Amino acid sequence: MPGAVAFNARQGSRSEVLADYLFSQWGTVNPVRWSDDYGGDLYCTLSERIGLRGVVREYFTVQVKSNLDPWVFPDQQSVRWLVEYPTPLLFAVVDKKQQLVRVYHVMPRFCVWALGVLPNYLELTPEDIEDGSFVEWTNGTAFSLSAPIIRASLADLMDDEKVQTLGKVLESWVRFDRENCDLVRFGLARFRMPTPYRVNDLPGFSGGIGELGLTQPPEPAFLNRGIASLAEGAECIGGQLDRLGDRSGALRAALLVRYLLQEYPNVFGNIPRWQGNSIPGDLGARVCQRLNSTADEMGVSQTYYNRGIDEVAKALDNDPLVKRFIGADKSS
């Protein structure tokens, strides 16, 4: 009907306005256009005030709802999106009548990752309680979001001291979320969160840090990302240690990288910088070349680029203690 709209068409938008007002206390807030909403309503930042400017230090996304109904992910693709979302993600429930915003962590997404198998259905249910606990689930598909991390009224936002305190709470939770995002990206099957915690309290202040992880991944693909990250980190840090004069640390890093390349070639087959089965970067250029030069001085002929590092690995494998440890010494 021209000149008319559905009476409650802006119901959800008014919730987002209240959430927008809350998060804008600590940084910038950019609402998502309705036509582009794929799971997040507000793109936010945390800013540090330096002089008259606010310098952005962190990014996070907020999904806003108007009630305490579960946030549902009906299929495995939507669950995968949640688990692999690359930045901190929060869930906000706005009570317009009470002018109250509750903000929840979404740590169960990292628990799903750490358990190693993506379910075909997932629901996350917020609770209106004071004390929060570690992630709990039913059959790996229904998770409680436990207590909110922040509960703020419009009156609270008129109190500068209260706003500052809540900002520190938010910053701490975003930092934990960021660390868990990094663990997912690196392929490490574990996650951490404060437990127990209380609404509007700094996480970890009244409790400890809980951790859950998978000790035996169900399939090789789950492990491959972690192996590639391990090799990348060892190559990078190993080369830096060598330049700092820590040749022992650099040598151990080179041994690890060489072992991973030999034992798990399928992990590196589609990564351009790892082609050729040789240790790349500064670590390879410095450690392998120096080992080969040392081998020449000792009369050990250099027949290929990795000869020096392979000789060190062979000496390590033939050590009686090492052989006994890895079970190669059958007489033990």
Protein backbone atom coordinates (compact mmCIF):
# COMPACT_ATOMS: atom_id res chain seq x y z
CA MET A 1 0.00 0.00 0.00
CA PRO A 2 1.57 3.34 -1.04
CA GLY A 3 2.33 5.59 1.91
CA ALA A 4 2.32 2.72 4.45
CA VAL A 5 4.69 0.12 5.86
CA ALA A 6 4.29 -2.89 8.14
CA PHE A 7 3.83 -1.50 11.62
CA ASN A 8 6.62 -3.58 13.18
CA ALA A 9 8.94 -3.60 10.18
CA ARG A 10 11.61 -1.68 12.10
CA GLN A 11 11.35 -3.79 15.26
CA GLY A 12 14.75 -5.42 14.77
CA SER A 13 16.36 -2.18 13.63
CA ARG A 14 15.44 -0.43 16.87
CA SER A 15 17.26 -3.20 18.75
CA GLU A 16 20.32 -2.60 16.61
CA VAL A 17 20.15 1.12 17.38
CA LEU A 18 20.36 0.46 21.11
CA ALA A 19 23.24 -2.00 20.60
CA ASP A 20 24.90 0.53 18.30
CA TYR A 21 24.70 3.15 21.04
CA LEU A 22 26.32 0.77 23.54
CA PHE A 23 29.26 -0.31 21.40
CA SER A 24 29.91 3.20 20.08
CA GLN A 25 31.06 4.09 23.60
CA TRP A 26 34.33 2.27 22.89
CA GLY A 27 34.95 2.66 19.18
CA THR A 28 33.33 2.90 15.78
CA VAL A 29 30.18 1.01 14.77
CA ASN A 30 29.10 0.34 11.20
CA PRO A 31 25.65 -1.25 10.76
CA VAL A 32 25.30 -3.85 8.02
CA ARG A 33 22.82 -3.05 5.25
CA TRP A 34 19.74 -5.28 5.36
CA SER A 35 20.47 -6.60 1.88
CA ASP A 36 24.01 -7.59 2.95
CA ASP A 37 23.22 -9.22 6.29
CA TYR A 38 24.85 -12.67 6.27
CA GLY A 39 25.09 -13.21 10.03
CA GLY A 40 26.44 -10.04 11.59
CA ASP A 41 24.58 -6.78 12.25
CA LEU A 42 27.31 -4.45 13.52
CA TYR A 43 30.95 -4.17 12.50
CA CYS A 44 32.72 -2.62 15.46
CA THR A 45 36.14 -1.50 16.62
CA LEU A 46 37.80 -0.89 19.95
CA SER A 47 39.74 2.35 19.98
CA GLU A 48 42.41 3.78 22.23
CA ARG A 49 42.27 7.48 22.85
CA ILE A 50 45.52 9.25 22.01
CA GLY A 51 45.18 13.00 22.29
CA LEU A 52 42.07 14.02 20.38
CA ARG A 53 42.03 10.88 18.24
CA GLY A 54 40.79 7.35 18.74
CA VAL A 55 43.27 4.83 17.33
CA VAL A 56 41.69 1.51 16.35
CA ARG A 57 43.24 -1.43 18.22
CA GLU A 58 40.78 -4.29 17.61
CA TYR A 59 37.88 -5.36 15.39
CA PHE A 60 34.82 -7.44 16.21
CA THR A 61 31.34 -8.24 14.89
CA VAL A 62 28.02 -8.31 16.75
CA GLN A 63 24.84 -10.21 15.96
CA VAL A 64 21.80 -8.51 17.54
CA LYS A 65 18.53 -10.14 18.60
CA SER A 66 15.42 -8.86 20.39
CA ASN A 67 14.83 -11.88 22.65
CA LEU A 68 16.55 -14.76 24.40
CA ASP A 69 15.61 -17.33 21.74
CA PRO A 70 18.45 -19.59 20.52
CA TRP A 71 20.70 -18.48 17.67
CA VAL A 72 20.23 -21.40 15.24
CA PHE A 73 22.58 -22.72 12.55
CA PRO A 74 20.49 -25.23 10.56
CA ASP A 75 23.15 -27.00 8.47
CA GLN A 76 26.83 -27.85 8.38
CA GLN A 77 27.74 -25.01 6.03
CA SER A 78 26.32 -22.41 8.40
CA VAL A 79 28.10 -24.11 11.31
CA ARG A 80 31.37 -23.99 9.35
CA TRP A 81 30.83 -20.28 8.73
CA LEU A 82 30.42 -19.71 12.47
CA VAL A 83 33.44 -21.78 13.46
CA GLU A 84 35.79 -20.25 10.87
CA TYR A 85 34.59 -16.64 11.19
CA PRO A 86 38.00 -14.93 11.27
CA THR A 87 37.41 -12.16 13.84
CA PRO A 88 35.88 -11.93 17.33
CA LEU A 89 32.11 -12.40 17.26
CA LEU A 90 29.63 -11.40 19.98
CA PHE A 91 25.91 -11.95 20.46
CA ALA A 92 23.73 -9.12 21.84
CA VAL A 93 20.17 -9.34 23.11
CA VAL A 94 18.30 -6.05 23.43
CA ASP A 95 15.31 -5.60 25.74
CA LYS A 96 13.72 -2.42 24.38
CA LYS A 97 11.11 -2.12 27.11
CA GLN A 98 13.74 -2.16 29.85
CA GLN A 99 16.25 -0.29 27.65
CA LEU A 100 18.75 -3.02 28.46
CA VAL A 101 21.47 -4.66 26.37
CA ARG A 102 22.96 -8.05 27.24
CA VAL A 103 26.18 -9.04 25.46
CA TYR A 104 27.27 -12.69 25.21
CA HIS A 105 30.46 -14.41 24.17
CA VAL A 106 30.17 -17.07 21.44
CA MET A 107 32.88 -19.38 22.77
CA PRO A 108 30.94 -22.57 21.85
CA ARG A 109 32.02 -22.03 18.24
CA PHE A 110 35.60 -22.71 19.31
CA CYS A 111 34.52 -25.74 21.32
CA VAL A 112 32.94 -27.16 18.15
CA TRP A 113 36.25 -26.59 16.36
CA ALA A 114 38.29 -28.19 19.14
CA LEU A 115 36.09 -31.29 19.17
CA GLY A 116 37.06 -31.96 15.58
CA VAL A 117 33.70 -32.76 13.94
CA LEU A 118 31.30 -30.14 12.61
CA PRO A 119 27.69 -30.99 13.49
CA ASN A 120 24.88 -30.65 10.95
CA TYR A 121 22.90 -28.45 13.33
CA LEU A 122 23.81 -26.04 16.11
CA GLU A 123 21.87 -23.82 18.48
CA LEU A 124 23.28 -21.33 20.97
CA THR A 125 21.00 -20.27 23.82
CA PRO A 126 21.68 -17.15 25.95
CA GLU A 127 20.72 -17.16 29.61
CA ASP A 128 19.77 -14.30 31.93
CA ILE A 129 21.90 -15.28 34.93
CA GLU A 130 24.71 -13.65 36.94
CA ASP A 131 27.40 -16.32 37.01
CA GLY A 132 28.85 -17.80 33.85
CA SER A 133 30.55 -21.17 33.43
CA PHE A 134 32.66 -23.10 30.95
CA VAL A 135 31.03 -24.24 27.72
CA GLU A 136 28.39 -26.92 28.22
CA TRP A 137 26.59 -28.80 25.48
CA THR A 138 24.00 -31.45 24.73
CA ASN A 139 25.00 -34.04 22.10
CA GLY A 140 27.42 -31.54 20.58
CA THR A 141 24.61 -29.57 18.95
CA ALA A 142 22.89 -27.50 21.68
CA PHE A 143 25.09 -25.12 23.64
CA SER A 144 24.34 -22.62 26.37
CA LEU A 145 25.92 -19.18 26.07
CA SER A 146 25.65 -19.05 29.85
CA ALA A 147 25.64 -15.61 31.50
CA PRO A 148 26.15 -12.41 29.55
CA ILE A 149 29.58 -10.87 29.77
CA ILE A 150 28.01 -7.39 29.89
CA ARG A 151 24.60 -6.21 31.01
CA ALA A 152 24.10 -2.46 30.50
CA SER A 153 21.14 -0.12 30.74
CA LEU A 154 20.86 3.34 29.26
CA ALA A 155 21.33 4.70 32.79
CA ASP A 156 24.67 2.83 33.00
CA LEU A 157 25.82 4.57 29.84
CA MET A 158 25.33 7.94 31.52
CA ASP A 159 27.93 6.96 34.12
CA ASP A 160 31.44 7.60 32.78
CA GLU A 161 33.10 5.35 35.37
CA LYS A 162 30.70 2.51 34.58
CA VAL A 163 31.32 2.92 30.85
CA GLN A 164 35.06 2.77 31.39
CA THR A 165 34.75 -0.41 33.47
CA LEU A 166 32.50 -2.11 30.93
CA GLY A 167 34.90 -1.13 28.17
CA LYS A 168 37.71 -3.00 29.93
CA VAL A 169 35.46 -6.04 30.31
CA LEU A 170 34.63 -5.98 26.60
CA GLU A 171 38.26 -5.51 25.61
CA SER A 172 39.30 -8.54 27.68
CA TRP A 173 36.67 -10.82 26.14
CA VAL A 174 37.50 -9.63 22.63
CA ARG A 175 41.14 -10.45 23.31
CA PHE A 176 40.26 -14.00 24.38
CA ASP A 177 38.12 -14.37 21.27
CA ARG A 178 40.95 -13.13 19.08
CA GLU A 179 43.36 -15.65 20.57
CA ASN A 180 40.90 -18.45 19.84
CA CYS A 181 40.46 -17.19 16.27
CA ASP A 182 44.24 -17.46 15.89
CA LEU A 183 44.19 -21.04 17.20
CA VAL A 184 41.60 -21.97 14.56
CA ARG A 185 43.59 -20.26 11.82
CA PHE A 186 46.79 -22.04 12.88
CA GLY A 187 45.01 -25.39 12.93
CA LEU A 188 45.45 -25.99 16.66
CA ALA A 189 42.57 -28.04 18.06
CA ARG A 190 42.02 -26.24 21.36
CA PHE A 191 40.32 -23.22 22.83
CA ARG A 192 40.44 -21.25 26.09
CA MET A 193 38.01 -19.11 28.02
CA PRO A 194 37.69 -17.59 31.50
CA THR A 195 35.78 -19.77 33.94
CA PRO A 196 33.91 -19.07 36.06
CA TYR A 197 33.02 -15.46 35.34
CA ARG A 198 30.44 -12.90 36.41
CA VAL A 199 28.42 -10.35 34.49
CA ASN A 200 30.26 -7.03 34.14
CA ASP A 201 33.41 -8.38 35.85
CA LEU A 202 36.83 -8.57 34.23
CA PRO A 203 37.28 -12.18 32.99
CA GLY A 204 39.81 -14.17 34.97
CA PHE A 205 39.58 -11.79 37.94
CA SER A 206 37.51 -14.13 40.11
CA GLY A 207 38.34 -17.42 38.41
CA GLY A 208 40.79 -19.19 36.14
CA ILE A 209 41.18 -20.11 32.49
CA GLY A 210 39.59 -23.30 31.19
CA GLU A 211 40.98 -25.13 28.16
CA LEU A 212 39.56 -27.87 25.99
CA GLY A 213 41.30 -29.55 23.08
CA LEU A 214 41.46 -32.61 20.88
CA THR A 215 44.46 -34.89 21.46
CA GLN A 216 43.82 -37.15 18.48
CA PRO A 217 42.28 -35.52 15.37
CA PRO A 218 39.71 -37.74 13.64
CA GLU A 219 41.14 -37.27 10.16
CA PRO A 220 44.47 -36.14 8.61
CA ALA A 221 42.94 -33.04 7.03
CA PHE A 222 42.18 -31.66 10.48
CA LEU A 223 45.88 -31.92 11.38
CA ASN A 224 47.33 -30.62 8.12
CA ARG A 225 46.68 -26.94 8.82
CA GLY A 226 48.50 -27.26 12.13
CA ILE A 227 51.49 -29.00 10.55
CA ALA A 228 51.82 -26.25 7.93
CA SER A 229 51.62 -23.57 10.64
CA LEU A 230 54.22 -25.39 12.73
CA ALA A 231 56.65 -25.49 9.80
CA GLU A 232 56.03 -21.84 8.97
CA GLY A 233 56.64 -20.74 12.56
CA ALA A 234 59.76 -22.87 13.00
CA GLU A 235 61.27 -21.61 9.74
CA CYS A 236 60.58 -17.96 10.58
CA ILE A 237 61.71 -18.03 14.22
CA GLY A 238 64.61 -20.36 13.50
CA GLY A 239 66.08 -17.92 11.00
CA GLN A 240 65.69 -15.07 13.47
CA LEU A 241 67.37 -17.07 16.23
CA ASP A 242 70.30 -17.75 13.93
CA ARG A 243 70.77 -14.04 13.24
CA LEU A 244 70.67 -13.41 17.00
CA GLY A 245 73.52 -15.86 17.47
CA ASP A 246 71.46 -18.80 18.78
CA ARG A 247 72.83 -21.43 16.41
CA SER A 248 71.65 -24.27 18.60
CA GLY A 249 68.04 -23.05 18.44
CA ALA A 250 68.30 -22.46 14.70
CA LEU A 251 69.65 -25.97 14.15
CA ARG A 252 66.80 -27.54 16.11
CA ALA A 253 64.28 -25.50 14.12
CA ALA A 254 65.86 -26.68 10.88
CA LEU A 255 65.69 -30.30 12.01
CA LEU A 256 61.97 -29.90 12.75
CA VAL A 257 61.20 -28.27 9.40
CA ARG A 258 63.18 -30.88 7.48
CA TYR A 259 61.38 -33.69 9.33
CA LEU A 260 57.93 -32.24 8.60
CA LEU A 261 58.75 -31.79 4.91
CA GLN A 262 59.90 -35.39 4.61
CA GLU A 263 57.21 -37.07 6.70
CA TYR A 264 54.15 -35.05 5.59
CA PRO A 265 54.79 -34.06 1.95
CA ASN A 266 51.06 -34.02 1.15
CA VAL A 267 50.61 -31.08 3.53
CA PHE A 268 53.00 -28.88 1.54
CA GLY A 269 52.23 -30.03 -2.00
CA ASN A 270 49.99 -27.06 -2.85
CA ILE A 271 51.94 -24.36 -0.98
CA PRO A 272 54.29 -22.60 -3.44
CA ARG A 273 57.02 -21.57 -0.99
CA TRP A 274 57.48 -25.16 0.20
CA GLN A 275 58.09 -26.67 -3.22
CA GLY A 276 61.35 -28.55 -3.77
CA ASN A 277 61.53 -30.37 -0.40
CA SER A 278 64.24 -27.98 0.82
CA ILE A 279 64.11 -25.69 3.82
CA PRO A 280 63.18 -22.25 2.42
CA GLY A 281 63.82 -18.74 3.65
CA ASP A 282 66.54 -17.45 5.93
CA LEU A 283 66.69 -20.65 7.94
CA GLY A 284 67.53 -22.78 4.92
CA ALA A 285 69.90 -20.28 3.39
CA ARG A 286 71.92 -19.79 6.57
CA VAL A 287 71.78 -23.09 8.47
CA CYS A 288 71.92 -25.52 5.56
CA GLN A 289 74.70 -23.66 3.78
CA ARG A 290 76.75 -23.38 6.97
CA LEU A 291 76.25 -27.07 7.74
CA ASN A 292 77.37 -28.00 4.24
CA SER A 293 80.47 -25.84 4.58
CA THR A 294 81.25 -27.46 7.92
CA ALA A 295 80.75 -30.91 6.40
CA ASP A 296 83.23 -30.02 3.62
CA GLU A 297 85.79 -28.97 6.22
CA MET A 298 85.31 -32.33 7.94
CA GLY A 299 85.78 -34.25 4.71
CA VAL A 300 82.13 -35.22 4.29
CA SER A 301 81.29 -34.84 0.61
CA GLN A 302 78.34 -32.60 -0.20
CA THR A 303 76.19 -34.36 -2.75
CA TYR A 304 72.96 -32.36 -2.33
CA TYR A 305 71.65 -29.24 -0.65
CA ASN A 306 70.20 -30.95 2.44
CA ARG A 307 73.21 -33.22 3.05
CA GLY A 308 74.39 -31.36 6.16
CA ILE A 309 71.03 -31.25 7.94
CA ASP A 310 70.37 -34.89 7.02
CA GLU A 311 73.70 -35.93 8.57
CA VAL A 312 72.72 -34.19 11.81
CA ALA A 313 69.33 -35.92 11.76
CA LYS A 314 71.00 -39.28 11.15
CA ALA A 315 73.35 -38.75 14.08
CA LEU A 316 70.38 -37.87 16.29
CA ASP A 317 68.41 -40.94 15.18
CA ASN A 318 71.40 -43.21 15.89
CA ASP A 319 71.90 -41.96 19.43
CA PRO A 320 71.13 -44.87 21.82
CA LEU A 321 68.84 -42.79 24.03
CA VAL A 322 66.92 -41.50 21.02
CA LYS A 323 66.66 -44.94 19.47
CA ARG A 324 65.30 -46.34 22.70
CA PHE A 325 62.83 -43.49 23.03
CA ILE A 326 61.37 -43.85 19.56
CA GLY A 327 61.44 -47.66 19.71
CA ALA A 328 63.97 -48.16 16.94
CA ASP A 329 66.24 -50.21 19.20
CA LYS A 330 64.52 -53.60 19.01
CA SER A 331 66.80 -55.07 21.65
CA SER A 332 65.13 -52.88 24.27
